[in-house]
Amino acid sequence: MSFAKVYSAQVNLLSGVIVTIEVDLSRGLHAFSIVGLPDKSVDESKDRVSSAIKNSGFQSPKAKNQKIIVSLSPADLKKEGSFFDLGIALSYMLAAGDLKFNPEKKIFLGELGLDGTLRRIKGALPLVQEAKRMGFEEVYLPKENAVEAALVDGIKIFGAGSLKEVVDHIDESKPRKFTDGLAERTREGEPRTSENFTRFAEEGKIPVQPKTEIKYEKERKGSDFADVRGQEGAKRGLEIAAAGGHNIAMYGPPGTGKTMLARAFSGLLPDLILEDVLEITGIHSVAGATRGELVSSPPFRAPHHTSSYVSLIGGGTFPKPGEVTLAHKGVLFLDEFPEFEKRVIESLRQPLEDNIVSISRAKGSAIFPSNFILVAAMNPCPCGNAGSKQKACICKPSDLDRYKRKLSGPIMDRIDLWVSVNNIDYKKLGEDGMGEKSENIKERVSRAREVQKNRFQKFERTIKTNSEMNVKDLSNMVKLADDVRNLLDNSAERLALSARAYHRVIKIARTIADLENSEDITSAHILEAIQYRPKVNN
């Protein structure tokens, strides 16, 4: 036959799109063209495919006088990346009669090396999810992506190491040749073969390798609250932030443990459910932030303060996710917070308020999820010594004013808790014994999250933490006694709290009550919540 059609897919924003690959061969002087809005990497695939076919033991497309047209549809979708190499190669070989197989209900993904090896791709998980949604039954892709792809239930995943392995497996024109590199994977079992290949007899229960889980556990437990001497006030604030999903800022002189506390913070967050694991792994896979591994713990992202607006928020000519999206369902740690560009800081307004990022560009628009906990750390001034009894501040008044103006009132309002991290007495630093372990604090946080889960199940709107409640939710779910309401109103008037800050105090008080397993919010809860507002006029 001189025409063939197979199926592949590519990433579009954070989801997958099925792409149909059609190849037509005709007589004439040799020409090899790809149509369908290919970018440079897709257009160059004709050279990779030609060499891969030749070095896999077949006749190169360039060895024949023929006109080869490869069409990638839908034609109005820009094709990017190296997802289509394997599909183009198989479609050409099918059209040229080099092999025979039924391409229906099959997806082929992977970049080809010149020697025919298959190389890993980005975004395997969302591509397989889309393939299943569209009714496909089998996905062939690089073996480095097989574990990640096998998270999707109800579809067969074949991980291969080379083009030849795939050809030997699917070719119906000759007896099957099975290799160690090509093995079927499903969520129900460890690598196993097709029906006629019985080399692997035993099946496990999950496709995730144990070493993957251990790796993420170690990363998550790299720091522990027990390692930080003193700073009980900051630890209490971080516990409340973890329990209610609240944003928190720590301020104090350098060297007092702000960064160490922030890095230990992610260890307080409850374990992810499978739904969240799939969502987060898909996001990180699209961004190329994984190596085919499962993201099994809440992500912790800590961009440098010189990071650009696009790298933090996302964007580009064709919108891509930024750090706020990579921190989804986890922690975004911004150290030296006021040192970020003012434009970058102000761009956090939407994700902190709405838990999404809306990006519009001339060539496309996108809405990315960004439901993270912001942990900010900052010094009291550029030199770090303002207010210190041990060292004198050397900052000019203009420097101090500029430093303070980097954080606007709206941004400060969106940060629920402000805690001071002061210098520790040297005697306490040398004391024996450890503080409370993160593991114990995590248990309290998990119990408080369970209380919130039970409360929010009674309402139609999907809410998981107290920080996600809006004004209407507060009216329906949080009832304050008259004396407690009067205390809050009087305090808000004295402190000149904005309407947003007023409601955030109620949310924090609700979280404090949940930590104590108290059904009602008391005056003590309100007073503690007010302590965490910034000690400046906003």
Protein backbone atom coordinates (compact mmCIF):
# COMPACT_ATOMS: atom_id res chain seq x y z
CA MET A 1 0.00 0.00 0.00
CA SER A 2 1.12 3.59 -0.59
CA PHE A 3 -0.99 5.17 2.14
CA ALA A 4 -1.11 4.55 5.88
CA LYS A 5 -2.54 6.16 8.97
CA VAL A 6 -1.52 5.77 12.61
CA TYR A 7 -2.23 7.76 15.77
CA SER A 8 -0.05 9.75 18.12
CA ALA A 9 -0.59 12.62 20.58
CA GLN A 10 0.98 15.80 21.86
CA VAL A 11 0.68 18.03 24.89
CA ASN A 12 -1.49 21.14 24.62
CA LEU A 13 -1.18 23.28 27.77
CA LEU A 14 -1.71 20.71 30.57
CA SER A 15 -3.72 18.15 28.62
CA GLY A 16 -3.22 15.86 25.65
CA VAL A 17 -4.48 16.08 22.08
CA ILE A 18 -4.75 13.09 19.73
CA VAL A 19 -2.88 13.65 16.45
CA THR A 20 -3.50 11.57 13.33
CA ILE A 21 -0.39 10.81 11.26
CA GLU A 22 -1.05 10.10 7.57
CA VAL A 23 1.67 9.11 5.11
CA ASP A 24 1.30 9.07 1.34
CA LEU A 25 3.97 7.65 -1.01
CA SER A 26 4.11 8.43 -4.72
CA ARG A 27 6.63 8.11 -7.54
CA GLY A 28 9.02 10.90 -8.44
CA LEU A 29 12.26 12.49 -7.38
CA HIS A 30 12.93 11.97 -3.69
CA ALA A 31 11.17 14.46 -1.43
CA PHE A 32 10.18 14.21 2.22
CA SER A 33 7.81 16.85 3.55
CA ILE A 34 5.76 17.22 6.74
CA VAL A 35 2.60 19.34 6.73
CA GLY A 36 0.22 20.36 9.49
CA LEU A 37 1.91 23.33 11.22
CA PRO A 38 5.07 21.53 12.37
CA ASP A 39 7.65 23.43 14.40
CA LYS A 40 11.39 23.03 13.82
CA SER A 41 11.75 19.94 16.02
CA VAL A 42 8.87 18.20 14.22
CA ASP A 43 10.19 19.13 10.77
CA GLU A 44 13.60 17.73 11.68
CA SER A 45 12.02 14.39 12.57
CA LYS A 46 12.22 13.30 8.90
CA ASP A 47 16.01 13.04 9.29
CA ARG A 48 15.77 11.25 12.64
CA VAL A 49 13.15 8.86 11.29
CA SER A 50 15.14 8.07 8.13
CA SER A 51 18.29 7.22 10.08
CA ALA A 52 16.36 5.27 12.73
CA ILE A 53 14.65 3.12 10.09
CA LYS A 54 17.95 2.44 8.31
CA ASN A 55 19.80 1.55 11.53
CA SER A 56 16.97 -0.74 12.61
CA GLY A 57 17.63 -3.06 9.64
CA PHE A 58 15.19 -1.66 7.10
CA GLN A 59 15.65 0.30 3.87
CA SER A 60 15.96 4.03 4.46
CA PRO A 61 13.24 6.26 2.97
CA LYS A 62 16.03 8.28 1.35
CA ALA A 63 17.23 5.22 -0.59
CA LYS A 64 14.19 5.30 -2.87
CA ASN A 65 13.09 7.78 -5.51
CA GLN A 66 9.73 8.60 -4.05
CA LYS A 67 7.75 11.53 -2.80
CA ILE A 68 6.82 11.21 0.89
CA ILE A 69 4.15 13.43 2.40
CA VAL A 70 3.45 13.23 6.12
CA SER A 71 0.29 14.99 7.28
CA LEU A 72 -0.33 15.74 10.96
CA SER A 73 -3.93 16.57 11.79
CA PRO A 74 -5.76 18.52 13.09
CA ALA A 75 -3.96 20.83 10.66
CA ASP A 76 -4.76 24.03 12.57
CA LEU A 77 -2.99 22.85 15.77
CA LYS A 78 0.68 23.76 15.96
CA LYS A 79 2.73 20.58 16.34
CA GLU A 80 5.59 20.87 18.83
CA GLY A 81 8.15 18.48 20.28
CA SER A 82 9.36 15.01 19.39
CA PHE A 83 6.21 13.04 20.26
CA PHE A 84 5.60 11.93 16.67
CA ASP A 85 8.89 10.27 15.65
CA LEU A 86 7.75 6.73 16.41
CA GLY A 87 4.36 7.26 14.79
CA ILE A 88 5.87 8.75 11.63
CA ALA A 89 8.35 5.88 11.32
CA LEU A 90 5.69 3.19 11.72
CA SER A 91 3.28 4.95 9.40
CA TYR A 92 5.93 5.18 6.69
CA MET A 93 6.93 1.53 7.10
CA LEU A 94 3.27 0.50 6.94
CA ALA A 95 2.74 2.51 3.74
CA ALA A 96 5.97 1.15 2.23
CA GLY A 97 5.01 -2.45 3.01
CA ASP A 98 7.91 -3.04 5.37
CA LEU A 99 5.51 -4.31 8.04
CA LYS A 100 1.87 -5.16 8.49
CA PHE A 101 -0.28 -4.37 11.51
CA ASN A 102 -3.64 -2.90 12.49
CA PRO A 103 -3.08 0.66 13.81
CA GLU A 104 -6.62 1.16 15.12
CA LYS A 105 -7.05 1.78 18.86
CA LYS A 106 -3.25 2.18 19.23
CA ILE A 107 -1.22 5.28 20.13
CA PHE A 108 2.50 5.58 19.34
CA LEU A 109 4.67 8.09 21.22
CA GLY A 110 8.39 8.69 21.44
CA GLU A 111 11.47 10.43 20.10
CA LEU A 112 13.82 8.36 17.97
CA GLY A 113 17.59 8.46 18.14
CA LEU A 114 19.56 8.03 14.92
CA ASP A 115 20.30 4.43 15.93
CA GLY A 116 16.60 3.69 16.43
CA THR A 117 16.51 3.91 20.22
CA LEU A 118 13.44 5.39 21.85
CA ARG A 119 13.96 8.39 24.10
CA ARG A 120 11.67 9.67 26.85
CA ILE A 121 9.12 12.38 26.22
CA LYS A 122 7.43 15.01 28.38
CA GLY A 123 3.81 14.76 29.44
CA ALA A 124 3.28 11.00 29.11
CA LEU A 125 0.62 10.88 31.83
CA PRO A 126 -1.83 13.46 30.35
CA LEU A 127 -1.28 11.94 26.89
CA VAL A 128 -2.29 8.48 28.12
CA GLN A 129 -5.26 9.95 29.99
CA GLU A 130 -6.47 11.56 26.78
CA ALA A 131 -5.91 8.34 24.83
CA LYS A 132 -8.09 6.45 27.28
CA ARG A 133 -10.78 9.13 27.16
CA MET A 134 -10.87 8.88 23.37
CA GLY A 135 -11.33 5.13 23.45
CA PHE A 136 -7.84 3.88 22.57
CA GLU A 137 -6.80 0.54 24.04
CA GLU A 138 -2.99 0.42 23.71
CA VAL A 139 -0.17 2.96 24.05
CA TYR A 140 3.41 2.32 22.88
CA LEU A 141 6.02 4.69 24.31
CA PRO A 142 9.61 4.80 25.63
CA LYS A 143 10.25 2.48 28.56
CA GLU A 144 11.43 5.45 30.67
CA ASN A 145 7.83 6.73 30.57
CA ALA A 146 6.14 3.36 31.19
CA VAL A 147 5.86 3.59 34.99
CA GLU A 148 4.33 7.07 34.82
CA ALA A 149 1.92 6.07 32.05
CA ALA A 150 0.85 2.94 33.93
CA LEU A 151 -0.86 5.12 36.55
CA VAL A 152 -3.82 5.33 34.18
CA ASP A 153 -6.17 2.43 34.70
CA GLY A 154 -8.01 0.61 31.94
CA ILE A 155 -5.51 0.96 29.08
CA LYS A 156 -2.52 -1.20 28.12
CA ILE A 157 0.91 0.46 28.26
CA PHE A 158 3.84 -0.98 26.30
CA GLY A 159 7.28 0.39 27.19
CA ALA A 160 9.92 -0.16 24.48
CA GLY A 161 13.59 0.63 24.13
CA SER A 162 13.82 0.94 20.35
CA LEU A 163 11.94 1.12 17.09
CA LYS A 164 12.94 -2.47 16.29
CA GLU A 165 11.37 -3.76 19.52
CA VAL A 166 8.07 -2.13 18.59
CA VAL A 167 8.22 -3.47 15.02
CA ASP A 168 9.02 -7.00 16.19
CA HIS A 169 6.08 -6.87 18.56
CA ILE A 170 3.35 -5.51 16.25
CA ASP A 171 4.41 -6.92 12.85
CA GLU A 172 1.81 -9.46 11.72
CA SER A 173 3.65 -10.47 8.54
CA LYS A 174 6.20 -12.64 10.34
CA PRO A 175 6.45 -14.72 13.56
CA ARG A 176 6.50 -12.71 16.76
CA LYS A 177 9.91 -11.78 18.14
CA PHE A 178 9.79 -10.75 21.75
CA THR A 179 12.54 -8.84 23.49
CA ASP A 180 13.21 -8.07 27.10
CA GLY A 181 12.69 -4.37 26.49
CA LEU A 182 9.02 -4.48 25.47
CA ALA A 183 6.64 -5.32 28.31
CA GLU A 184 3.04 -4.53 28.94
CA ARG A 185 2.27 -2.53 32.07
CA THR A 186 -1.09 -1.93 33.70
CA ARG A 187 -2.06 -0.43 37.03
CA GLU A 188 -3.02 -3.87 38.27
CA GLY A 189 0.37 -5.45 37.63
CA GLU A 190 4.10 -5.06 37.33
CA PRO A 191 5.65 -5.47 33.84
CA ARG A 192 4.08 -8.36 32.04
CA THR A 193 3.98 -9.59 28.47
CA SER A 194 1.29 -9.99 25.85
CA GLU A 195 -0.74 -13.17 25.69
CA ASN A 196 1.88 -15.24 23.81
CA PHE A 197 4.89 -14.06 25.82
CA THR A 198 5.15 -15.83 29.18
CA ARG A 199 8.63 -14.82 30.32
CA PHE A 200 7.16 -12.79 33.18
CA ALA A 201 4.86 -15.04 35.17
CA GLU A 202 4.41 -13.16 38.44
CA GLU A 203 2.35 -10.00 38.79
CA GLY A 204 2.45 -7.38 41.50
CA LYS A 205 -0.25 -4.95 42.59
CA ILE A 206 1.08 -1.52 41.60
CA PRO A 207 3.37 -0.28 38.82
CA VAL A 208 5.22 2.26 40.97
CA GLN A 209 8.74 1.16 41.84
CA PRO A 210 9.46 1.16 45.60
CA LYS A 211 12.63 3.21 45.10
CA THR A 212 10.48 6.02 43.66
CA GLU A 213 8.42 6.26 46.85
CA ILE A 214 11.54 6.14 49.04
CA LYS A 215 13.17 8.91 47.06
CA TYR A 216 10.27 11.30 47.54
CA GLU A 217 9.93 10.40 51.22
CA LYS A 218 13.57 11.29 51.78
CA GLU A 219 13.19 14.59 49.98
CA ARG A 220 10.17 15.42 52.06
CA LYS A 221 11.85 14.55 55.33
CA GLY A 222 15.07 16.39 54.62
CA SER A 223 14.37 18.89 57.44
CA ASP A 224 12.51 18.41 60.68
CA PHE A 225 11.08 20.93 63.13
CA ALA A 226 12.99 19.13 65.86
CA ASP A 227 16.22 20.39 64.26
CA VAL A 228 15.26 24.04 64.84
CA ARG A 229 16.08 25.34 68.33
CA GLY A 230 13.43 27.62 69.81
CA GLN A 231 11.17 29.64 67.48
CA GLU A 232 8.05 28.15 69.04
CA GLY A 233 5.93 31.05 67.83
CA ALA A 234 6.99 30.49 64.23
CA LYS A 235 6.39 26.75 64.53
CA ARG A 236 2.91 27.41 65.88
CA GLY A 237 2.16 29.73 62.95
CA LEU A 238 3.40 27.14 60.45
CA GLU A 239 1.26 24.45 62.08
CA ILE A 240 -1.83 26.64 61.67
CA ALA A 241 -0.86 27.39 58.06
CA ALA A 242 -0.52 23.69 57.26
CA ALA A 243 -3.79 22.78 58.98
CA GLY A 244 -5.90 25.37 57.16
CA GLY A 245 -3.95 25.86 53.94
CA HIS A 246 -3.11 29.45 54.88
CA ASN A 247 -0.37 31.60 53.35
CA ILE A 248 2.31 32.65 55.82
CA ALA A 249 5.21 35.10 55.96
CA MET A 250 8.17 34.92 58.35
CA TYR A 251 10.21 38.04 59.04
CA GLY A 252 13.33 38.51 61.13
CA PRO A 253 17.11 38.99 60.95
CA PRO A 254 19.26 36.62 58.87
CA GLY A 255 20.41 33.34 60.38
CA THR A 256 17.43 32.79 62.68
CA GLY A 257 16.09 29.65 60.92
CA LYS A 258 13.47 31.05 58.49
CA THR A 259 14.70 29.00 55.54
CA MET A 260 15.12 25.87 57.63
CA LEU A 261 11.58 26.19 58.97
CA ALA A 262 10.20 26.73 55.48
CA ARG A 263 11.92 23.63 54.12
CA ALA A 264 10.56 21.55 56.99
CA PHE A 265 7.06 22.92 56.43
CA SER A 266 6.12 20.60 53.55
CA GLY A 267 6.62 17.66 55.94
CA LEU A 268 3.59 18.86 57.91
CA LEU A 269 1.18 18.56 54.99
CA PRO A 270 -1.13 15.52 54.81
CA ASP A 271 -0.36 12.75 52.32
CA LEU A 272 -1.76 13.20 48.83
CA ILE A 273 -4.74 11.19 47.63
CA LEU A 274 -4.48 9.34 44.31
CA GLU A 275 -6.49 11.99 42.46
CA ASP A 276 -4.04 14.69 43.53
CA VAL A 277 -1.03 12.49 42.73
CA LEU A 278 -2.24 12.04 39.16
CA GLU A 279 -2.94 15.75 38.72
CA ILE A 280 0.40 16.88 40.12
CA THR A 281 2.41 14.23 38.29
CA GLY A 282 0.71 15.26 35.04
CA ILE A 283 1.64 18.92 35.55
CA HIS A 284 5.26 18.13 36.36
CA SER A 285 5.47 15.69 33.46
CA VAL A 286 4.31 18.34 30.98
CA ALA A 287 6.88 20.77 32.38
CA GLY A 288 9.66 18.16 32.15
CA ALA A 289 10.19 18.33 35.92
CA THR A 290 10.10 14.55 36.39
CA ARG A 291 12.06 11.61 35.03
CA GLY A 292 9.08 9.36 34.63
CA GLU A 293 8.68 9.20 38.40
CA LEU A 294 5.57 9.53 40.50
CA VAL A 295 5.20 12.79 42.45
CA SER A 296 3.91 11.17 45.62
CA SER A 297 4.44 14.06 48.08
CA PRO A 298 3.25 17.69 48.07
CA PRO A 299 5.65 19.58 45.80
CA PHE A 300 8.04 22.14 47.28
CA ARG A 301 9.18 24.88 44.89
CA ALA A 302 11.74 27.50 45.88
CA PRO A 303 12.58 29.82 42.94
CA HIS A 304 15.43 32.32 43.34
CA HIS A 305 14.53 35.96 43.93
CA THR A 306 15.98 36.88 40.51
CA SER A 307 13.32 34.71 38.80
CA SER A 308 11.45 36.41 35.98
CA TYR A 309 7.73 37.08 35.79
CA VAL A 310 7.21 34.34 33.17
CA SER A 311 9.18 31.70 35.09
CA LEU A 312 7.14 32.32 38.24
CA ILE A 313 3.65 32.91 36.85
CA GLY A 314 3.88 31.16 33.50
CA GLY A 315 3.40 32.44 29.98
CA GLY A 316 5.48 32.70 26.84
CA THR A 317 4.41 32.92 23.20
CA PHE A 318 2.63 29.63 23.65
CA PRO A 319 1.58 29.66 27.35
CA LYS A 320 3.51 27.31 29.62
CA PRO A 321 3.05 26.72 33.37
CA GLY A 322 5.27 28.54 35.86
CA GLU A 323 6.40 27.92 39.42
CA VAL A 324 3.00 28.78 40.92
CA THR A 325 1.49 25.90 38.90
CA LEU A 326 4.33 23.51 39.64
CA ALA A 327 3.65 24.23 43.34
CA HIS A 328 -0.02 23.22 42.93
CA LYS A 329 -1.23 21.24 45.97
CA GLY A 330 2.11 21.95 47.65
CA VAL A 331 4.33 24.79 48.85
CA LEU A 332 5.77 27.83 47.06
CA PHE A 333 8.67 29.16 49.13
CA LEU A 334 9.81 32.68 48.25
CA ASP A 335 12.95 33.46 50.22
CA GLU A 336 14.06 37.12 50.36
CA PHE A 337 10.49 38.00 49.39
CA PRO A 338 10.90 41.79 48.96
CA GLU A 339 13.94 41.21 46.72
CA PHE A 340 11.71 39.83 43.97
CA GLU A 341 10.76 42.32 41.28
CA LYS A 342 7.69 44.33 42.26
CA ARG A 343 5.92 43.19 39.09
CA VAL A 344 6.55 39.57 40.05
CA ILE A 345 5.25 40.10 43.58
CA GLU A 346 2.11 41.88 42.37
CA SER A 347 1.41 39.11 39.87
CA LEU A 348 0.74 36.79 42.83
CA ARG A 349 -2.55 38.56 43.54
CA GLN A 350 -4.71 36.33 41.32
CA PRO A 351 -3.23 32.94 42.26
CA LEU A 352 -3.31 33.79 45.97
CA GLU A 353 -6.96 34.85 45.77
CA ASP A 354 -8.47 32.54 43.13
CA ASN A 355 -6.07 29.54 43.13
CA ILE A 356 -5.72 29.80 39.35
CA VAL A 357 -3.55 31.72 36.87
CA SER A 358 -5.18 33.16 33.77
CA ILE A 359 -2.69 33.89 30.98
CA SER A 360 -3.61 35.55 27.69
CA ARG A 361 -1.23 35.96 24.76
CA ALA A 362 -1.66 36.85 21.08
CA LYS A 363 -1.25 33.18 20.10
CA GLY A 364 -3.33 31.64 22.86
CA SER A 365 -4.70 31.82 26.36
CA ALA A 366 -4.68 29.37 29.23
CA ILE A 367 -5.92 28.87 32.78
CA PHE A 368 -3.51 26.92 34.98
CA PRO A 369 -4.25 25.63 38.51
CA SER A 370 -2.25 27.24 41.31
CA ASN A 371 -3.69 26.11 44.63
CA PHE A 372 -0.56 26.32 46.76
CA ILE A 373 0.48 27.52 50.20
CA LEU A 374 2.77 30.53 49.98
CA VAL A 375 5.61 30.58 52.52
CA ALA A 376 7.50 33.87 52.32
CA ALA A 377 10.63 34.78 54.26
CA MET A 378 12.18 38.21 54.57
CA ASN A 379 14.62 40.31 56.51
CA PRO A 380 13.43 43.46 58.29
CA CYS A 381 15.57 45.62 55.99
CA PRO A 382 18.09 45.20 53.13
CA CYS A 383 21.02 44.73 55.53
CA GLY A 384 18.93 42.59 57.88
CA ASN A 385 19.78 44.41 61.12
CA ALA A 386 16.83 46.79 61.60
CA GLY A 387 15.54 46.49 65.16
CA SER A 388 18.47 44.31 66.25
CA LYS A 389 20.04 44.90 69.67
CA GLN A 390 23.32 43.30 68.66
CA LYS A 391 24.03 44.97 65.29
CA ALA A 392 23.42 48.42 63.88
CA CYS A 393 21.36 48.93 60.71
CA ILE A 394 23.42 50.55 57.95
CA CYS A 395 20.55 51.07 55.49
CA LYS A 396 19.78 54.56 54.20
CA PRO A 397 16.28 55.95 54.87
CA SER A 398 15.60 55.83 51.12
CA ASP A 399 16.62 52.14 51.03
CA LEU A 400 14.30 51.34 53.94
CA ASP A 401 11.41 53.17 52.28
CA ARG A 402 11.98 51.42 48.97
CA TYR A 403 12.20 48.06 50.73
CA LYS A 404 8.89 48.56 52.52
CA ARG A 405 7.12 49.76 49.40
CA LYS A 406 7.97 46.53 47.57
CA LEU A 407 5.06 44.86 49.42
CA SER A 408 1.73 46.51 48.68
CA GLY A 409 -1.32 46.42 50.93
CA PRO A 410 -3.23 44.00 48.66
CA ILE A 411 -0.35 41.51 48.74
CA MET A 412 0.02 41.77 52.52
CA ASP A 413 -3.74 41.28 52.89
CA ARG A 414 -3.54 38.03 50.94
CA ILE A 415 -0.99 36.56 53.34
CA ASP A 416 -2.95 35.21 56.29
CA LEU A 417 -0.27 34.82 58.94
CA TRP A 418 2.73 37.03 59.73
CA VAL A 419 5.15 35.62 62.30
CA SER A 420 8.32 37.04 63.77
CA VAL A 421 11.46 34.88 63.78
CA ASN A 422 13.91 36.59 66.15
CA ASN A 423 17.44 35.82 67.28
CA ILE A 424 17.80 32.89 69.66
CA ASP A 425 19.76 33.10 72.89
CA TYR A 426 23.14 31.39 72.49
CA LYS A 427 22.54 29.27 75.59
CA LYS A 428 19.42 27.77 74.02
CA LEU A 429 21.37 26.93 70.86
CA GLY A 430 23.74 24.80 72.91
CA GLU A 431 21.10 22.95 74.91
CA ASP A 432 20.77 19.20 74.58
CA GLY A 433 17.55 17.59 73.45
CA MET A 434 15.35 18.13 70.44
CA GLY A 435 12.11 20.00 69.92
CA GLU A 436 8.82 18.47 68.83
CA LYS A 437 9.16 16.36 65.71
CA SER A 438 7.41 17.22 62.46
CA GLU A 439 5.76 13.80 62.56
CA ASN A 440 3.83 14.69 65.73
CA ILE A 441 2.75 18.06 64.35
CA LYS A 442 1.67 16.39 61.11
CA GLU A 443 -0.70 14.15 63.06
CA ARG A 444 -2.47 17.19 64.52
CA VAL A 445 -2.58 18.83 61.10
CA SER A 446 -4.10 15.70 59.55
CA ARG A 447 -6.77 15.52 62.25
CA ALA A 448 -7.67 19.18 61.67
CA ARG A 449 -7.88 18.55 57.91
CA GLU A 450 -10.23 15.63 58.57
CA VAL A 451 -12.47 17.89 60.67
CA GLN A 452 -12.61 20.37 57.78
CA LYS A 453 -13.34 17.60 55.28
CA ASN A 454 -16.32 16.40 57.33
CA ARG A 455 -17.63 19.95 57.69
CA PHE A 456 -17.40 20.81 53.99
CA GLN A 457 -19.03 17.56 52.84
CA LYS A 458 -22.36 19.01 53.91
CA PHE A 459 -22.18 21.78 51.31
CA GLU A 460 -22.41 21.71 47.53
CA ARG A 461 -19.27 23.73 46.77
CA THR A 462 -16.06 21.70 46.72
CA ILE A 463 -13.81 22.99 49.52
CA LYS A 464 -10.99 21.17 51.25
CA THR A 465 -9.44 23.72 53.62
CA ASN A 466 -10.58 26.73 55.63
CA SER A 467 -8.49 29.09 53.50
CA GLU A 468 -10.67 28.29 50.46
CA MET A 469 -13.89 29.61 52.02
CA ASN A 470 -15.37 32.75 50.49
CA VAL A 471 -17.62 35.29 52.21
CA LYS A 472 -20.75 33.25 51.51
CA ASP A 473 -19.11 30.10 52.84
CA LEU A 474 -18.14 31.91 56.04
CA SER A 475 -21.77 32.97 56.57
CA ASN A 476 -23.01 29.42 56.07
CA MET A 477 -20.29 27.45 57.84
CA VAL A 478 -18.86 29.68 60.57
CA LYS A 479 -21.12 31.01 63.28
CA LEU A 480 -19.72 33.38 65.92
CA ALA A 481 -21.27 34.03 69.32
CA ASP A 482 -22.24 37.64 70.03
CA ASP A 483 -19.37 38.28 72.43
CA VAL A 484 -16.87 36.78 70.00
CA ARG A 485 -18.26 38.84 67.11
CA ASN A 486 -18.06 42.04 69.21
CA LEU A 487 -14.45 41.29 70.11
CA LEU A 488 -13.59 40.77 66.45
CA ASP A 489 -15.40 43.94 65.33
CA ASN A 490 -13.72 46.10 67.95
CA SER A 491 -10.29 44.70 67.17
CA ALA A 492 -10.79 45.16 63.43
CA GLU A 493 -11.75 48.79 63.99
CA ARG A 494 -8.68 49.52 66.14
CA LEU A 495 -6.34 47.80 63.68
CA ALA A 496 -8.05 49.29 60.61
CA LEU A 497 -8.37 45.88 58.98
CA SER A 498 -9.61 45.69 55.43
CA ALA A 499 -12.67 43.58 54.61
CA ARG A 500 -10.39 40.87 53.23
CA ALA A 501 -8.21 40.88 56.36
CA TYR A 502 -11.33 40.77 58.55
CA HIS A 503 -12.55 37.57 56.89
CA ARG A 504 -9.09 36.03 56.95
CA VAL A 505 -8.97 36.46 60.73
CA ILE A 506 -12.17 34.39 60.95
CA LYS A 507 -10.67 31.67 58.75
CA ILE A 508 -7.53 31.50 60.88
CA ALA A 509 -9.61 31.37 64.07
CA ARG A 510 -11.64 28.51 62.58
CA THR A 511 -8.41 26.60 61.87
CA ILE A 512 -7.12 27.19 65.40
CA ALA A 513 -10.41 25.83 66.74
CA ASP A 514 -10.11 22.79 64.46
CA LEU A 515 -6.63 22.06 65.80
CA GLU A 516 -8.12 22.02 69.28
CA ASN A 517 -11.10 19.97 68.06
CA SER A 518 -13.40 22.75 69.22
CA GLU A 519 -16.79 23.01 67.53
CA ASP A 520 -17.14 26.73 68.33
CA ILE A 521 -14.76 29.63 67.83
CA THR A 522 -13.95 31.28 71.15
CA SER A 523 -12.52 34.67 72.08
CA ALA A 524 -9.11 33.03 72.63
CA HIS A 525 -9.11 31.76 69.06
CA ILE A 526 -9.93 35.23 67.71
CA LEU A 527 -7.22 36.88 69.82
CA GLU A 528 -4.59 34.42 68.63
CA ALA A 529 -5.68 34.88 65.03
CA ILE A 530 -5.39 38.68 65.29
CA GLN A 531 -1.81 38.30 66.53
CA TYR A 532 -0.83 36.99 63.11
CA ARG A 533 -1.84 40.11 61.20
CA PRO A 534 1.09 42.30 60.02
CA LYS A 535 2.12 44.94 62.53
CA VAL A 536 1.70 47.73 59.99
CA ASN A 537 -1.24 49.65 58.59
CA ASN A 538 -2.61 47.96 55.51
